Amino acid sequence: MLHPQARALLDLMIARNVPPTHTLTPADARALYRERRTFTQPDPPRVAEIRELAADGPHGSISLRLYRPLSDGPTPAALLPVLVYFHGGGWVIGDLDTHDVLCRQLANASGCGVVSVDYRLAPEHRFPAAVDDAIAATRWVAKQATALGLDATRLAVGGDSAGGNLAAVVCIAARDAGDLPIVYQLLIYPATDMRRSMPSHTTNGEGYLLTRDSITYYHDHYIEDARHDLDWRASPLLAADLGRLPPALVITAGFDPLRDEGLAYADALTQAGNRAMEVCFERQIHGFITMGRVLDETSTAIELCAAELKQALRAR
């Protein structure tokens, strides 16, 4: 059963005639996404420090935002474990502000520093620009870690939806490069297979916020050549080798079109010899991790993510 709070939210969006994303221009979709967050996200919790940063990347400067958590433990001078986080939004919408509350929550609950990455968006910057930015930003954080008060030996990556896709891809690229040790990956309802053919794309493809039409909209803005659907940098599930990757937590949602490919990726990681845990919030919809003002289970999901991060990134 769809959670009653999720049902109420969907009914309210219908009553208020919120336009589907696929009917909007990218600029209008981005503006609506930013505006909508004030209705579904809780007030931003206080953190110890926020710093605006910029990393060098192959396509130019990449904006970053560093969150240092409130803590009763280590002194502010202590090097903190760090989560590099990639926001969701189908590679088309979303930014540092749309995921500001979530990054604050993850920082405070896990005791980690969190670096949010404002990677380039499509259609202005098509695949693989977002991938290039994600890899470059993670590498920059690792190199600058000590100067930022962070511990490069306790580095995790994470993200939701398109951001989960990027986090998974960064882990594969880092393994292949061999010089960027990532110790954990947090994948929240990740997109892992651009072919969009798994059963949940049909069973959950209409009526649960993220629809087949919206997924096609995001895909077509991001992927210019259909052959790129088979590129592991777009579809990490299709990578020839998924071995020797960091332990993973994969969060899925029962009424999400991406549910099956998230589960498939967790299964593939496990079959390749990695530690991977998949947890499905059976009654939830895509996007629920940022909807804590209206969905109680959001807090449970964030607490789970934070607890797993804290365990994975404890003093090594």
C-alpha atoms as a PDB file:
ATOM      1  CA  MET A   1       0.000   0.000   0.000  1.00  0.00           C
ATOM      2  CA  LEU A   2       1.189   3.484  -0.831  1.00  0.00           C
ATOM      3  CA  HIS A   3       1.862   5.360   2.398  1.00  0.00           C
ATOM      4  CA  PRO A   4      -1.123   7.612   3.223  1.00  0.00           C
ATOM      5  CA  GLN A   5       1.182  10.617   3.554  1.00  0.00           C
ATOM      6  CA  ALA A   6       2.585   9.985   0.070  1.00  0.00           C
ATOM      7  CA  ARG A   7      -0.951   9.587  -1.262  1.00  0.00           C
ATOM      8  CA  ALA A   8      -1.970  12.879   0.334  1.00  0.00           C
ATOM      9  CA  LEU A   9       1.010  14.648  -1.218  1.00  0.00           C
ATOM     10  CA  LEU A  10       0.236  13.307  -4.690  1.00  0.00           C
ATOM     11  CA  ASP A  11      -3.436  14.289  -4.326  1.00  0.00           C
ATOM     12  CA  LEU A  12      -2.440  17.790  -3.238  1.00  0.00           C
ATOM     13  CA  MET A  13      -0.191  18.205  -6.261  1.00  0.00           C
ATOM     14  CA  ILE A  14      -3.080  17.204  -8.514  1.00  0.00           C
ATOM     15  CA  ALA A  15      -5.451  19.574  -6.730  1.00  0.00           C
ATOM     16  CA  ARG A  16      -2.999  22.439  -7.121  1.00  0.00           C
ATOM     17  CA  ASN A  17      -2.399  21.638 -10.803  1.00  0.00           C
ATOM     18  CA  VAL A  18       1.359  21.234 -10.381  1.00  0.00           C
ATOM     19  CA  PRO A  19       2.562  20.734 -13.957  1.00  0.00           C
ATOM     20  CA  PRO A  20       4.410  17.509 -14.790  1.00  0.00           C
ATOM     21  CA  THR A  21       8.120  18.060 -15.347  1.00  0.00           C
ATOM     22  CA  HIS A  22       8.041  16.779 -18.906  1.00  0.00           C
ATOM     23  CA  THR A  23       5.674  19.614 -19.916  1.00  0.00           C
ATOM     24  CA  LEU A  24       8.153  22.321 -18.855  1.00  0.00           C
ATOM     25  CA  THR A  25      11.297  23.813 -20.294  1.00  0.00           C
ATOM     26  CA  PRO A  26      14.440  22.904 -18.348  1.00  0.00           C
ATOM     27  CA  ALA A  27      14.619  26.451 -16.967  1.00  0.00           C
ATOM     28  CA  ASP A  28      11.014  26.328 -15.745  1.00  0.00           C
ATOM     29  CA  ALA A  29      11.454  22.802 -14.373  1.00  0.00           C
ATOM     30  CA  ARG A  30      14.483  23.946 -12.384  1.00  0.00           C
ATOM     31  CA  ALA A  31      12.589  26.919 -10.966  1.00  0.00           C
ATOM     32  CA  LEU A  32       9.621  24.753  -9.957  1.00  0.00           C
ATOM     33  CA  TYR A  33      11.896  22.205  -8.286  1.00  0.00           C
ATOM     34  CA  ARG A  34      13.532  24.950  -6.235  1.00  0.00           C
ATOM     35  CA  GLU A  35      10.166  26.450  -5.278  1.00  0.00           C
ATOM     36  CA  ARG A  36       8.593  23.108  -4.389  1.00  0.00           C
ATOM     37  CA  ARG A  37      11.258  22.300  -1.828  1.00  0.00           C
ATOM     38  CA  THR A  38       9.815  24.831   0.627  1.00  0.00           C
ATOM     39  CA  PHE A  39       6.579  22.819   0.800  1.00  0.00           C
ATOM     40  CA  THR A  40       8.109  19.369   1.303  1.00  0.00           C
ATOM     41  CA  GLN A  41      11.434  19.939   3.055  1.00  0.00           C
ATOM     42  CA  PRO A  42      11.849  20.728   6.767  1.00  0.00           C
ATOM     43  CA  ASP A  43      13.569  23.887   7.949  1.00  0.00           C
ATOM     44  CA  PRO A  44      17.353  23.670   7.480  1.00  0.00           C
ATOM     45  CA  PRO A  45      19.069  22.515  10.662  1.00  0.00           C
ATOM     46  CA  ARG A  46      22.043  24.469  11.958  1.00  0.00           C
ATOM     47  CA  VAL A  47      25.493  23.062  11.188  1.00  0.00           C
ATOM     48  CA  ALA A  48      28.887  24.062  12.534  1.00  0.00           C
ATOM     49  CA  GLU A  49      30.198  25.535   9.282  1.00  0.00           C
ATOM     50  CA  ILE A  50      29.298  26.026   5.630  1.00  0.00           C
ATOM     51  CA  ARG A  51      31.915  26.949   3.047  1.00  0.00           C
ATOM     52  CA  GLU A  52      31.433  27.757  -0.629  1.00  0.00           C
ATOM     53  CA  LEU A  53      34.231  26.207  -2.679  1.00  0.00           C
ATOM     54  CA  ALA A  54      35.223  25.706  -6.306  1.00  0.00           C
ATOM     55  CA  ALA A  55      37.023  22.784  -7.887  1.00  0.00           C
ATOM     56  CA  ASP A  56      38.838  22.663 -11.197  1.00  0.00           C
ATOM     57  CA  GLY A  57      37.286  20.356 -13.786  1.00  0.00           C
ATOM     58  CA  PRO A  58      37.752  19.493 -17.455  1.00  0.00           C
ATOM     59  CA  HIS A  59      34.851  21.760 -18.436  1.00  0.00           C
ATOM     60  CA  GLY A  60      35.711  24.615 -16.071  1.00  0.00           C
ATOM     61  CA  SER A  61      35.093  25.488 -12.455  1.00  0.00           C
ATOM     62  CA  ILE A  62      32.694  23.326 -10.389  1.00  0.00           C
ATOM     63  CA  SER A  63      30.865  24.894  -7.442  1.00  0.00           C
ATOM     64  CA  LEU A  64      30.927  22.925  -4.188  1.00  0.00           C
ATOM     65  CA  ARG A  65      29.447  23.464  -0.738  1.00  0.00           C
ATOM     66  CA  LEU A  66      31.118  22.021   2.362  1.00  0.00           C
ATOM     67  CA  TYR A  67      29.083  21.264   5.493  1.00  0.00           C
ATOM     68  CA  ARG A  68      30.826  20.645   8.801  1.00  0.00           C
ATOM     69  CA  PRO A  69      28.525  18.999  11.346  1.00  0.00           C
ATOM     70  CA  LEU A  70      27.555  20.014  14.815  1.00  0.00           C
ATOM     71  CA  SER A  71      29.261  17.583  17.150  1.00  0.00           C
ATOM     72  CA  ASP A  72      29.909  16.987  20.803  1.00  0.00           C
ATOM     73  CA  GLY A  73      32.854  14.798  19.903  1.00  0.00           C
ATOM     74  CA  PRO A  74      36.009  15.829  18.030  1.00  0.00           C
ATOM     75  CA  THR A  75      37.183  19.400  18.219  1.00  0.00           C
ATOM     76  CA  PRO A  76      36.561  21.651  15.197  1.00  0.00           C
ATOM     77  CA  ALA A  77      40.219  21.169  14.257  1.00  0.00           C
ATOM     78  CA  ALA A  78      39.804  17.393  13.863  1.00  0.00           C
ATOM     79  CA  LEU A  79      39.951  15.843  10.406  1.00  0.00           C
ATOM     80  CA  LEU A  80      36.495  14.527   9.607  1.00  0.00           C
ATOM     81  CA  PRO A  81      35.439  11.676   7.347  1.00  0.00           C
ATOM     82  CA  VAL A  82      33.766  13.065   4.247  1.00  0.00           C
ATOM     83  CA  LEU A  83      30.836  12.272   1.994  1.00  0.00           C
ATOM     84  CA  VAL A  84      30.949  13.765  -1.507  1.00  0.00           C
ATOM     85  CA  TYR A  85      27.286  14.142  -2.470  1.00  0.00           C
ATOM     86  CA  PHE A  86      25.643  14.454  -5.903  1.00  0.00           C
ATOM     87  CA  HIS A  87      22.099  15.815  -5.980  1.00  0.00           C
ATOM     88  CA  GLY A  88      19.214  14.259  -7.862  1.00  0.00           C
ATOM     89  CA  GLY A  89      17.148  15.796 -10.632  1.00  0.00           C
ATOM     90  CA  GLY A  90      17.551  13.693 -13.748  1.00  0.00           C
ATOM     91  CA  TRP A  91      20.827  15.416 -14.737  1.00  0.00           C
ATOM     92  CA  VAL A  92      18.581  18.345 -15.783  1.00  0.00           C
ATOM     93  CA  ILE A  93      17.302  19.992 -12.579  1.00  0.00           C
ATOM     94  CA  GLY A  94      18.520  20.357  -9.006  1.00  0.00           C
ATOM     95  CA  ASP A  95      21.399  22.287  -7.457  1.00  0.00           C
ATOM     96  CA  LEU A  96      23.197  22.985  -4.194  1.00  0.00           C
ATOM     97  CA  ASP A  97      20.115  24.653  -2.728  1.00  0.00           C
ATOM     98  CA  THR A  98      17.577  21.953  -3.576  1.00  0.00           C
ATOM     99  CA  HIS A  99      19.597  19.479  -1.505  1.00  0.00           C
ATOM    100  CA  ASP A 100      20.906  21.845   1.143  1.00  0.00           C
ATOM    101  CA  VAL A 101      18.628  20.508   3.894  1.00  0.00           C
ATOM    102  CA  LEU A 102      19.477  16.870   3.144  1.00  0.00           C
ATOM    103  CA  CYS A 103      23.213  17.566   3.196  1.00  0.00           C
ATOM    104  CA  ARG A 104      22.873  19.349   6.534  1.00  0.00           C
ATOM    105  CA  GLN A 105      20.893  16.422   7.933  1.00  0.00           C
ATOM    106  CA  LEU A 106      23.399  13.852   6.726  1.00  0.00           C
ATOM    107  CA  ALA A 107      26.326  15.836   8.109  1.00  0.00           C
ATOM    108  CA  ASN A 108      24.825  16.264  11.573  1.00  0.00           C
ATOM    109  CA  ALA A 109      23.468  12.723  11.844  1.00  0.00           C
ATOM    110  CA  SER A 110      26.629  10.993  10.613  1.00  0.00           C
ATOM    111  CA  GLY A 111      29.297  13.271  12.051  1.00  0.00           C
ATOM    112  CA  CYS A 112      30.847  13.502   8.590  1.00  0.00           C
ATOM    113  CA  GLY A 113      31.796  16.470   6.543  1.00  0.00           C
ATOM    114  CA  VAL A 114      29.594  16.628   3.449  1.00  0.00           C
ATOM    115  CA  VAL A 115      30.673  18.219   0.171  1.00  0.00           C
ATOM    116  CA  SER A 116      27.771  18.850  -2.212  1.00  0.00           C
ATOM    117  CA  VAL A 117      28.658  19.066  -5.908  1.00  0.00           C
ATOM    118  CA  ASP A 118      26.973  21.425  -8.373  1.00  0.00           C
ATOM    119  CA  TYR A 119      27.773  19.407 -11.500  1.00  0.00           C
ATOM    120  CA  ARG A 120      26.841  20.649 -14.947  1.00  0.00           C
ATOM    121  CA  LEU A 121      23.294  20.036 -16.127  1.00  0.00           C
ATOM    122  CA  ALA A 122      21.744  18.962 -19.413  1.00  0.00           C
ATOM    123  CA  PRO A 123      20.727  19.870 -22.037  1.00  0.00           C
ATOM    124  CA  GLU A 124      23.311  22.639 -21.933  1.00  0.00           C
ATOM    125  CA  HIS A 125      25.920  20.049 -20.963  1.00  0.00           C
ATOM    126  CA  ARG A 126      25.058  16.567 -22.147  1.00  0.00           C
ATOM    127  CA  PHE A 127      26.528  13.202 -21.168  1.00  0.00           C
ATOM    128  CA  PRO A 128      29.255  12.695 -20.072  1.00  0.00           C
ATOM    129  CA  ALA A 129      29.750  16.248 -18.715  1.00  0.00           C
ATOM    130  CA  ALA A 130      28.071  15.446 -15.382  1.00  0.00           C
ATOM    131  CA  VAL A 131      30.243  12.349 -15.035  1.00  0.00           C
ATOM    132  CA  ASP A 132      33.385  14.331 -15.782  1.00  0.00           C
ATOM    133  CA  ASP A 133      32.439  16.921 -13.155  1.00  0.00           C
ATOM    134  CA  ALA A 134      31.587  14.272 -10.562  1.00  0.00           C
ATOM    135  CA  ILE A 135      34.934  12.502 -10.971  1.00  0.00           C
ATOM    136  CA  ALA A 136      36.887  15.769 -11.005  1.00  0.00           C
ATOM    137  CA  ALA A 137      35.103  17.094  -7.916  1.00  0.00           C
ATOM    138  CA  THR A 138      35.715  13.895  -5.956  1.00  0.00           C
ATOM    139  CA  ARG A 139      39.371  13.883  -6.926  1.00  0.00           C
ATOM    140  CA  TRP A 140      39.695  17.565  -5.930  1.00  0.00           C
ATOM    141  CA  VAL A 141      38.138  16.917  -2.519  1.00  0.00           C
ATOM    142  CA  ALA A 142      40.561  14.049  -1.926  1.00  0.00           C
ATOM    143  CA  LYS A 143      43.556  16.194  -2.863  1.00  0.00           C
ATOM    144  CA  GLN A 144      42.411  19.189  -0.806  1.00  0.00           C
ATOM    145  CA  ALA A 145      41.080  17.161   2.106  1.00  0.00           C
ATOM    146  CA  THR A 146      43.637  18.084   4.755  1.00  0.00           C
ATOM    147  CA  ALA A 147      43.367  21.791   3.966  1.00  0.00           C
ATOM    148  CA  LEU A 148      39.595  21.482   4.300  1.00  0.00           C
ATOM    149  CA  GLY A 149      39.764  19.659   7.629  1.00  0.00           C
ATOM    150  CA  LEU A 150      38.768  16.361   6.051  1.00  0.00           C
ATOM    151  CA  ASP A 151      40.282  12.886   6.044  1.00  0.00           C
ATOM    152  CA  ALA A 152      40.939  11.587   2.530  1.00  0.00           C
ATOM    153  CA  THR A 153      41.365   8.040   3.862  1.00  0.00           C
ATOM    154  CA  ARG A 154      37.727   8.077   4.967  1.00  0.00           C
ATOM    155  CA  LEU A 155      36.058   9.227   1.771  1.00  0.00           C
ATOM    156  CA  ALA A 156      32.572   8.161   0.657  1.00  0.00           C
ATOM    157  CA  VAL A 157      30.419   9.174  -2.292  1.00  0.00           C
ATOM    158  CA  GLY A 158      26.657   9.297  -2.454  1.00  0.00           C
ATOM    159  CA  GLY A 159      23.654  10.721  -4.200  1.00  0.00           C
ATOM    160  CA  ASP A 160      19.989  10.333  -4.964  1.00  0.00           C
ATOM    161  CA  SER A 161      18.458   9.356  -8.318  1.00  0.00           C
ATOM    162  CA  ALA A 162      20.715  10.887 -11.009  1.00  0.00           C
ATOM    163  CA  GLY A 163      23.144  11.654  -8.190  1.00  0.00           C
ATOM    164  CA  GLY A 164      23.112   7.995  -7.179  1.00  0.00           C
ATOM    165  CA  ASN A 165      23.973   7.145 -10.760  1.00  0.00           C
ATOM    166  CA  LEU A 166      26.934   9.527 -10.645  1.00  0.00           C
ATOM    167  CA  ALA A 167      28.137   8.164  -7.298  1.00  0.00           C
ATOM    168  CA  ALA A 168      28.095   4.615  -8.648  1.00  0.00           C
ATOM    169  CA  VAL A 169      29.973   5.684 -11.774  1.00  0.00           C
ATOM    170  CA  VAL A 170      32.578   7.587  -9.743  1.00  0.00           C
ATOM    171  CA  CYS A 171      33.288   4.411  -7.761  1.00  0.00           C
ATOM    172  CA  ILE A 172      33.913   2.397 -10.916  1.00  0.00           C
ATOM    173  CA  ALA A 173      36.101   5.122 -12.424  1.00  0.00           C
ATOM    174  CA  ALA A 174      38.066   5.467  -9.176  1.00  0.00           C
ATOM    175  CA  ARG A 175      38.679   1.729  -9.012  1.00  0.00           C
ATOM    176  CA  ASP A 176      39.930   1.698 -12.587  1.00  0.00           C
ATOM    177  CA  ALA A 177      42.200   4.708 -12.022  1.00  0.00           C
ATOM    178  CA  GLY A 178      43.583   3.155  -8.846  1.00  0.00           C
ATOM    179  CA  ASP A 179      44.539   6.439  -7.188  1.00  0.00           C
ATOM    180  CA  LEU A 180      41.300   7.588  -5.555  1.00  0.00           C
ATOM    181  CA  PRO A 181      40.434   5.365  -2.586  1.00  0.00           C
ATOM    182  CA  ILE A 182      36.687   5.483  -1.905  1.00  0.00           C
ATOM    183  CA  VAL A 183      35.589   3.430   1.077  1.00  0.00           C
ATOM    184  CA  TYR A 184      31.769   3.592   0.817  1.00  0.00           C
ATOM    185  CA  GLN A 185      28.935   4.409  -1.580  1.00  0.00           C
ATOM    186  CA  LEU A 186      25.472   5.640  -0.586  1.00  0.00           C
ATOM    187  CA  LEU A 187      23.052   5.130  -3.478  1.00  0.00           C
ATOM    188  CA  ILE A 188      19.533   6.478  -2.905  1.00  0.00           C
ATOM    189  CA  TYR A 189      17.074   5.184  -5.540  1.00  0.00           C
ATOM    190  CA  PRO A 190      19.853   5.320  -8.168  1.00  0.00           C
ATOM    191  CA  ALA A 191      19.328   5.249 -11.917  1.00  0.00           C
ATOM    192  CA  THR A 192      21.552   2.404 -13.095  1.00  0.00           C
ATOM    193  CA  ASP A 193      20.212   1.282 -16.489  1.00  0.00           C
ATOM    194  CA  MET A 194      19.419   3.829 -19.195  1.00  0.00           C
ATOM    195  CA  ARG A 195      17.537   1.227 -21.219  1.00  0.00           C
ATOM    196  CA  ARG A 196      14.535   1.826 -18.886  1.00  0.00           C
ATOM    197  CA  SER A 197      13.115  -1.630 -19.533  1.00  0.00           C
ATOM    198  CA  MET A 198      12.660  -3.163 -16.092  1.00  0.00           C
ATOM    199  CA  PRO A 199       9.130  -4.029 -14.890  1.00  0.00           C
ATOM    200  CA  SER A 200       8.872  -1.197 -12.330  1.00  0.00           C
ATOM    201  CA  HIS A 201       9.112   1.317 -15.161  1.00  0.00           C
ATOM    202  CA  THR A 202       5.717  -0.010 -16.251  1.00  0.00           C
ATOM    203  CA  THR A 203       4.052  -0.860 -12.936  1.00  0.00           C
ATOM    204  CA  ASN A 204       5.131   2.432 -11.321  1.00  0.00           C
ATOM    205  CA  GLY A 205       5.349   4.523 -14.461  1.00  0.00           C
ATOM    206  CA  GLU A 206       2.267   6.634 -13.894  1.00  0.00           C
ATOM    207  CA  GLY A 207       0.688   8.275 -10.878  1.00  0.00           C
ATOM    208  CA  TYR A 208       3.627   8.310  -8.439  1.00  0.00           C
ATOM    209  CA  LEU A 209       5.318  11.660  -9.156  1.00  0.00           C
ATOM    210  CA  LEU A 210       8.175  10.336 -11.308  1.00  0.00           C
ATOM    211  CA  THR A 211       6.553   9.062 -14.497  1.00  0.00           C
ATOM    212  CA  ARG A 212       7.658   7.323 -17.668  1.00  0.00           C
ATOM    213  CA  ASP A 213       7.193  10.592 -19.553  1.00  0.00           C
ATOM    214  CA  SER A 214       9.374  12.510 -17.108  1.00  0.00           C
ATOM    215  CA  ILE A 215      12.060   9.810 -17.204  1.00  0.00           C
ATOM    216  CA  THR A 216      12.078  10.032 -21.004  1.00  0.00           C
ATOM    217  CA  TYR A 217      12.320  13.829 -20.732  1.00  0.00           C
ATOM    218  CA  TYR A 218      15.344  13.605 -18.449  1.00  0.00           C
ATOM    219  CA  HIS A 219      16.964  10.876 -20.523  1.00  0.00           C
ATOM    220  CA  ASP A 220      16.561  12.673 -23.815  1.00  0.00           C
ATOM    221  CA  HIS A 221      17.971  15.923 -22.459  1.00  0.00           C
ATOM    222  CA  TYR A 222      20.982  14.109 -20.998  1.00  0.00           C
ATOM    223  CA  ILE A 223      21.690  11.374 -23.563  1.00  0.00           C
ATOM    224  CA  GLU A 224      22.209  12.677 -27.078  1.00  0.00           C
ATOM    225  CA  ASP A 225      23.130   9.387 -28.754  1.00  0.00           C
ATOM    226  CA  ALA A 226      21.087   6.255 -27.972  1.00  0.00           C
ATOM    227  CA  ARG A 227      24.273   4.192 -28.119  1.00  0.00           C
ATOM    228  CA  HIS A 228      25.350   5.904 -24.909  1.00  0.00           C
ATOM    229  CA  ASP A 229      22.633   3.962 -23.054  1.00  0.00           C
ATOM    230  CA  LEU A 230      25.055   1.022 -23.126  1.00  0.00           C
ATOM    231  CA  ASP A 231      28.023   3.022 -21.835  1.00  0.00           C
ATOM    232  CA  TRP A 232      28.757   2.100 -18.206  1.00  0.00           C
ATOM    233  CA  ARG A 233      29.263   5.786 -17.438  1.00  0.00           C
ATOM    234  CA  ALA A 234      25.546   6.200 -18.151  1.00  0.00           C
ATOM    235  CA  SER A 235      24.383   2.723 -17.090  1.00  0.00           C
ATOM    236  CA  PRO A 236      26.678   1.430 -14.343  1.00  0.00           C
ATOM    237  CA  LEU A 237      24.656  -1.793 -14.157  1.00  0.00           C
ATOM    238  CA  LEU A 238      26.072  -2.636 -17.600  1.00  0.00           C
ATOM    239  CA  ALA A 239      29.728  -2.279 -16.592  1.00  0.00           C
ATOM    240  CA  ALA A 240      31.714  -5.325 -17.646  1.00  0.00           C
ATOM    241  CA  ASP A 241      33.318  -5.616 -14.211  1.00  0.00           C
ATOM    242  CA  LEU A 242      31.603  -4.633 -10.955  1.00  0.00           C
ATOM    243  CA  GLY A 243      34.154  -6.307  -8.710  1.00  0.00           C
ATOM    244  CA  ARG A 244      36.422  -4.640  -6.140  1.00  0.00           C
ATOM    245  CA  LEU A 245      34.042  -1.755  -5.463  1.00  0.00           C
ATOM    246  CA  PRO A 246      33.342  -0.051  -2.116  1.00  0.00           C
ATOM    247  CA  PRO A 247      30.622  -1.391   0.180  1.00  0.00           C
ATOM    248  CA  ALA A 248      27.231   0.055  -0.677  1.00  0.00           C
ATOM    249  CA  LEU A 249      23.892   0.942   0.816  1.00  0.00           C
ATOM    250  CA  VAL A 250      21.195   1.062  -1.863  1.00  0.00           C
ATOM    251  CA  ILE A 251      17.901   2.665  -0.856  1.00  0.00           C
ATOM    252  CA  THR A 252      14.870   2.000  -3.063  1.00  0.00           C
ATOM    253  CA  ALA A 253      11.179   2.922  -2.922  1.00  0.00           C
ATOM    254  CA  GLY A 254       8.304   0.548  -3.599  1.00  0.00           C
ATOM    255  CA  PHE A 255       6.346   2.910  -5.869  1.00  0.00           C
ATOM    256  CA  ASP A 256       9.354   4.191  -7.811  1.00  0.00           C
ATOM    257  CA  PRO A 257       9.902   3.415 -11.502  1.00  0.00           C
ATOM    258  CA  LEU A 258      13.612   3.043 -10.655  1.00  0.00           C
ATOM    259  CA  ARG A 259      12.977   0.450  -7.942  1.00  0.00           C
ATOM    260  CA  ASP A 260      13.953  -2.619  -9.954  1.00  0.00           C
ATOM    261  CA  GLU A 261      17.179  -1.206 -11.362  1.00  0.00           C
ATOM    262  CA  GLY A 262      18.270  -0.149  -7.876  1.00  0.00           C
ATOM    263  CA  LEU A 263      17.682  -3.675  -6.601  1.00  0.00           C
ATOM    264  CA  ALA A 264      19.381  -5.120  -9.685  1.00  0.00           C
ATOM    265  CA  TYR A 265      22.448  -2.994  -9.021  1.00  0.00           C
ATOM    266  CA  ALA A 266      22.636  -4.091  -5.389  1.00  0.00           C
ATOM    267  CA  ASP A 267      22.338  -7.713  -6.528  1.00  0.00           C
ATOM    268  CA  ALA A 268      25.039  -7.228  -9.162  1.00  0.00           C
ATOM    269  CA  LEU A 269      27.392  -5.685  -6.595  1.00  0.00           C
ATOM    270  CA  THR A 270      26.844  -8.628  -4.267  1.00  0.00           C
ATOM    271  CA  GLN A 271      27.301 -11.192  -7.030  1.00  0.00           C
ATOM    272  CA  ALA A 272      30.575  -9.494  -7.963  1.00  0.00           C
ATOM    273  CA  GLY A 273      31.886 -10.061  -4.450  1.00  0.00           C
ATOM    274  CA  ASN A 274      31.177  -6.682  -2.861  1.00  0.00           C
ATOM    275  CA  ARG A 275      29.299  -5.907   0.333  1.00  0.00           C
ATOM    276  CA  ALA A 276      25.968  -4.355  -0.592  1.00  0.00           C
ATOM    277  CA  MET A 277      22.779  -3.842   1.385  1.00  0.00           C
ATOM    278  CA  GLU A 278      19.486  -2.938  -0.275  1.00  0.00           C
ATOM    279  CA  VAL A 279      16.633  -1.489   1.772  1.00  0.00           C
ATOM    280  CA  CYS A 280      13.296  -0.827   0.106  1.00  0.00           C
ATOM    281  CA  PHE A 281      10.861   1.638   1.645  1.00  0.00           C
ATOM    282  CA  GLU A 282       7.931  -0.278   0.227  1.00  0.00           C
ATOM    283  CA  ARG A 283       5.277   2.416   0.695  1.00  0.00           C
ATOM    284  CA  GLN A 284       7.257   5.353  -0.665  1.00  0.00           C
ATOM    285  CA  ILE A 285       7.683   7.232  -3.922  1.00  0.00           C
ATOM    286  CA  HIS A 286      10.714   8.470  -5.811  1.00  0.00           C
ATOM    287  CA  GLY A 287      12.174  11.581  -4.224  1.00  0.00           C
ATOM    288  CA  PHE A 288      11.010  10.862  -0.684  1.00  0.00           C
ATOM    289  CA  ILE A 289      14.457  11.392   0.900  1.00  0.00           C
ATOM    290  CA  THR A 290      14.038  15.184   0.612  1.00  0.00           C
ATOM    291  CA  MET A 291      10.398  15.344   1.751  1.00  0.00           C
ATOM    292  CA  GLY A 292      10.757  15.244   5.515  1.00  0.00           C
ATOM    293  CA  ARG A 293       8.214  17.986   6.141  1.00  0.00           C
ATOM    294  CA  VAL A 294       5.398  15.812   4.815  1.00  0.00           C
ATOM    295  CA  LEU A 295       6.697  12.212   4.964  1.00  0.00           C
ATOM    296  CA  ASP A 296       7.604  10.701   8.329  1.00  0.00           C
ATOM    297  CA  GLU A 297       9.598   7.828   6.790  1.00  0.00           C
ATOM    298  CA  THR A 298      12.099  10.322   5.403  1.00  0.00           C
ATOM    299  CA  SER A 299      13.614  10.681   8.876  1.00  0.00           C
ATOM    300  CA  THR A 300      13.983   6.919   9.171  1.00  0.00           C
ATOM    301  CA  ALA A 301      15.765   6.739   5.819  1.00  0.00           C
ATOM    302  CA  ILE A 302      18.151   9.567   6.707  1.00  0.00           C
ATOM    303  CA  GLU A 303      18.926   7.979  10.080  1.00  0.00           C
ATOM    304  CA  LEU A 304      19.701   4.689   8.327  1.00  0.00           C
ATOM    305  CA  CYS A 305      21.986   6.384   5.800  1.00  0.00           C
ATOM    306  CA  ALA A 306      23.780   8.290   8.548  1.00  0.00           C
ATOM    307  CA  ALA A 307      24.236   5.230  10.739  1.00  0.00           C
ATOM    308  CA  GLU A 308      25.736   3.232   7.865  1.00  0.00           C
ATOM    309  CA  LEU A 309      28.020   6.111   6.925  1.00  0.00           C
ATOM    310  CA  LYS A 310      29.163   6.502  10.522  1.00  0.00           C
ATOM    311  CA  GLN A 311      29.936   2.808  10.755  1.00  0.00           C
ATOM    312  CA  ALA A 312      31.742   2.656   7.410  1.00  0.00           C
ATOM    313  CA  LEU A 313      33.795   5.818   8.003  1.00  0.00           C
ATOM    314  CA  ARG A 314      34.717   5.319  11.640  1.00  0.00           C
ATOM    315  CA  ALA A 315      38.399   5.697  12.536  1.00  0.00           C
ATOM    316  CA  ARG A 316      40.305   3.276  10.320  1.00  0.00           C
END
